[in-house]
Amino acid sequence: MTKAKFSPFDVADHIKTPQDVAHYLDAVLADGDAGEIAEALGVVARAQGMAAIAEESGLSRETLYRTLSDAGNPRLETLIGVLRAMGLRLSVAAA
């Protein structure tokens, strides 16, 4: 009998379209956990290319990785810049 081989699941591998990004981030934002939001933005940045997002947002790749981790706490200015680099914008809806 052969052993099954598994690889770690990475959400970034499954985010292909702008709609995928919007649905994923909307689901994470619904929970309102700041660490999860930062981490989800990091997942989207990896899906779109961390180097490209870093360059477009004016941040170094290392800073972007650190800021968009579950321990990250991006400033609003950084958040808006990263979203803009991803082709997204921040909006608000009634809860």
Protein backbone atom coordinates (compact mmCIF):
# COMPACT_ATOMS: atom_id res chain seq x y z
CA MET A 1 0.00 0.00 0.00
CA THR A 2 1.36 3.43 -0.92
CA LYS A 3 1.29 6.24 1.55
CA ALA A 4 -0.78 9.27 0.68
CA LYS A 5 1.22 12.46 0.26
CA PHE A 6 -0.27 15.66 1.50
CA SER A 7 0.90 19.21 1.09
CA PRO A 8 -0.09 22.09 3.34
CA PHE A 9 -3.23 23.95 2.30
CA ASP A 10 -2.51 27.53 1.26
CA VAL A 11 -5.44 29.84 0.60
CA ALA A 12 -3.18 31.96 -1.63
CA ASP A 13 -3.08 29.09 -4.14
CA HIS A 14 -6.85 29.38 -4.59
CA ILE A 15 -7.26 33.14 -4.94
CA LYS A 16 -7.26 33.70 -8.68
CA THR A 17 -9.72 36.49 -9.50
CA PRO A 18 -10.65 39.88 -8.05
CA GLN A 19 -13.97 38.29 -7.01
CA ASP A 20 -12.07 35.59 -5.09
CA VAL A 21 -10.16 38.34 -3.27
CA ALA A 22 -13.32 40.28 -2.46
CA HIS A 23 -15.19 37.22 -1.14
CA TYR A 24 -12.23 36.05 0.94
CA LEU A 25 -11.56 39.45 2.50
CA ASP A 26 -15.26 40.09 3.07
CA ALA A 27 -15.54 36.82 5.01
CA VAL A 28 -12.50 37.65 7.14
CA LEU A 29 -13.66 41.23 7.75
CA ALA A 30 -17.03 39.95 8.99
CA ASP A 31 -15.30 38.46 12.04
CA GLY A 32 -13.54 41.75 12.81
CA ASP A 33 -10.35 40.23 14.25
CA ALA A 34 -7.48 42.63 13.45
CA GLY A 35 -4.83 39.90 13.37
CA GLU A 36 -6.88 37.77 11.00
CA ILE A 37 -7.52 40.76 8.73
CA ALA A 38 -3.81 41.58 8.51
CA GLU A 39 -2.99 37.93 7.87
CA ALA A 40 -5.70 37.68 5.17
CA LEU A 41 -4.25 40.73 3.43
CA GLY A 42 -0.90 38.94 3.55
CA VAL A 43 -2.47 35.89 1.90
CA VAL A 44 -3.89 38.08 -0.87
CA ALA A 45 -0.52 39.82 -1.29
CA ARG A 46 1.18 36.43 -1.69
CA ALA A 47 -1.48 35.37 -4.20
CA GLN A 48 -0.91 38.52 -6.26
CA GLY A 49 2.87 38.60 -5.79
CA MET A 50 4.35 40.01 -2.60
CA ALA A 51 7.18 41.82 -4.41
CA ALA A 52 4.78 43.58 -6.78
CA ILE A 53 2.45 44.63 -3.94
CA ALA A 54 5.42 45.85 -1.89
CA GLU A 55 6.75 47.93 -4.78
CA GLU A 56 3.34 49.39 -5.64
CA SER A 57 2.59 50.24 -2.00
CA GLY A 58 6.02 51.78 -1.38
CA LEU A 59 6.95 49.29 1.35
CA SER A 60 9.84 46.85 1.46
CA ARG A 61 8.95 43.21 1.03
CA GLU A 62 10.16 42.43 4.55
CA THR A 63 8.05 45.23 6.03
CA LEU A 64 5.03 44.02 4.08
CA TYR A 65 5.48 40.43 5.31
CA ARG A 66 5.83 41.64 8.91
CA THR A 67 2.93 44.10 8.70
CA LEU A 68 0.59 41.60 7.04
CA SER A 69 1.15 38.75 9.47
CA ASP A 70 -1.22 37.59 12.20
CA ALA A 71 0.89 39.64 14.64
CA GLY A 72 0.87 42.68 12.35
CA ASN A 73 -1.06 45.82 13.10
CA PRO A 74 -0.96 47.98 9.97
CA ARG A 75 -1.67 51.67 10.27
CA LEU A 76 -4.65 52.94 8.31
CA GLU A 77 -2.33 54.70 5.85
CA THR A 78 -0.49 51.41 5.23
CA LEU A 79 -3.74 49.50 4.91
CA ILE A 80 -5.10 51.91 2.32
CA GLY A 81 -1.82 51.83 0.38
CA VAL A 82 -1.75 48.03 0.33
CA LEU A 83 -5.39 47.82 -0.71
CA ARG A 84 -4.78 50.32 -3.50
CA ALA A 85 -1.77 48.27 -4.67
CA MET A 86 -4.06 45.22 -4.76
CA GLY A 87 -6.62 47.08 -6.84
CA LEU A 88 -9.04 47.28 -3.91
CA ARG A 89 -10.61 50.01 -1.84
CA LEU A 90 -11.94 50.19 1.67
CA SER A 91 -15.70 50.54 2.11
CA VAL A 92 -18.20 50.32 4.93
CA ALA A 93 -21.59 48.63 5.16
CA ALA A 94 -24.15 48.54 7.93
CA ALA A 95 -23.73 45.53 10.22
